[in-house]
Amino acid sequence: MVLSIGFTGGVCLAIGLFFGYKIDSYFLTEPWGIIAGMIVGLAAALVQTWKQLRESMEKFARENDRNKDKSTRM
């Protein structure tokens, strides 16, 4: 799970930086495209991390509830 979050964050940031670099080279606006790409990539990484953590916590809560139900039956 942690590896997945780190990989997703890195990919989001790399994609943002790549597109920022391409925008800079096309419009000749160095370093503003890279800065904007980094900000957008970081925002995307934070959103994806939040989604993955929320999904993980929901799964943990479901498993915890299931285990509680099993222990009360015995």
Protein backbone atom coordinates (compact mmCIF):
# COMPACT_ATOMS: atom_id res chain seq x y z
CA MET A 1 0.00 0.00 0.00
CA VAL A 2 2.72 2.48 0.93
CA LEU A 3 4.67 1.63 -2.22
CA SER A 4 1.56 2.27 -4.30
CA ILE A 5 1.02 5.69 -2.70
CA GLY A 6 4.64 6.68 -3.26
CA PHE A 7 4.63 5.48 -6.86
CA THR A 8 1.37 7.27 -7.64
CA GLY A 9 2.64 10.51 -6.12
CA GLY A 10 5.88 10.30 -8.06
CA VAL A 11 4.11 9.63 -11.34
CA CYS A 12 1.68 12.53 -10.82
CA LEU A 13 4.54 14.89 -10.07
CA ALA A 14 6.60 13.65 -13.02
CA ILE A 15 3.70 14.09 -15.44
CA GLY A 16 3.11 17.63 -14.17
CA LEU A 17 6.79 18.49 -14.56
CA PHE A 18 6.92 16.98 -18.05
CA PHE A 19 3.96 19.00 -19.29
CA GLY A 20 5.34 22.11 -17.59
CA TYR A 21 8.63 21.62 -19.41
CA LYS A 22 6.82 21.17 -22.73
CA ILE A 23 4.79 24.33 -22.15
CA ASP A 24 7.98 26.24 -21.32
CA SER A 25 9.72 25.05 -24.46
CA TYR A 26 6.72 25.90 -26.66
CA PHE A 27 5.89 29.33 -25.24
CA LEU A 28 9.45 30.21 -24.07
CA THR A 29 8.23 31.08 -20.57
CA GLU A 30 10.94 29.49 -18.44
CA PRO A 31 10.57 28.69 -15.45
CA TRP A 32 6.83 29.41 -15.09
CA GLY A 33 5.61 26.33 -16.94
CA ILE A 34 7.70 24.02 -14.80
CA ILE A 35 6.53 25.77 -11.64
CA ALA A 36 2.89 25.51 -12.70
CA GLY A 37 3.38 21.88 -13.72
CA MET A 38 4.95 21.11 -10.36
CA ILE A 39 2.03 22.71 -8.51
CA VAL A 40 -0.55 20.85 -10.61
CA GLY A 41 1.37 17.58 -10.25
CA LEU A 42 1.65 18.02 -6.50
CA ALA A 43 -2.08 18.76 -6.23
CA ALA A 44 -2.88 15.65 -8.26
CA ALA A 45 -0.54 13.59 -6.06
CA LEU A 46 -2.26 14.86 -2.91
CA VAL A 47 -5.72 14.07 -4.29
CA GLN A 48 -4.69 10.55 -5.30
CA THR A 49 -2.99 9.95 -1.94
CA TRP A 50 -6.14 11.09 -0.13
CA LYS A 51 -8.30 8.75 -2.23
CA GLN A 52 -6.01 5.77 -1.63
CA LEU A 53 -5.80 6.41 2.12
CA ARG A 54 -9.58 6.83 2.43
CA GLU A 55 -10.14 3.57 0.53
CA SER A 56 -7.63 1.80 2.75
CA MET A 57 -9.23 3.08 5.94
CA GLU A 58 -12.70 2.02 4.75
CA LYS A 59 -11.37 -1.46 3.99
CA PHE A 60 -9.72 -1.61 7.41
CA ALA A 61 -12.98 -0.57 9.12
CA ARG A 62 -14.97 -3.23 7.22
CA GLU A 63 -12.48 -5.94 8.16
CA ASN A 64 -12.43 -4.75 11.77
CA ASP A 65 -16.25 -4.87 11.95
CA ARG A 66 -16.25 -8.34 10.41
CA ASN A 67 -13.72 -9.57 12.96
CA LYS A 68 -15.76 -8.09 15.81
CA ASP A 69 -18.86 -9.93 14.62
CA LYS A 70 -16.95 -13.23 14.51
CA SER A 71 -15.54 -12.77 18.02
CA THR A 72 -18.94 -11.97 19.56
CA ARG A 73 -20.49 -15.14 18.12
CA MET A 74 -18.05 -17.40 19.92
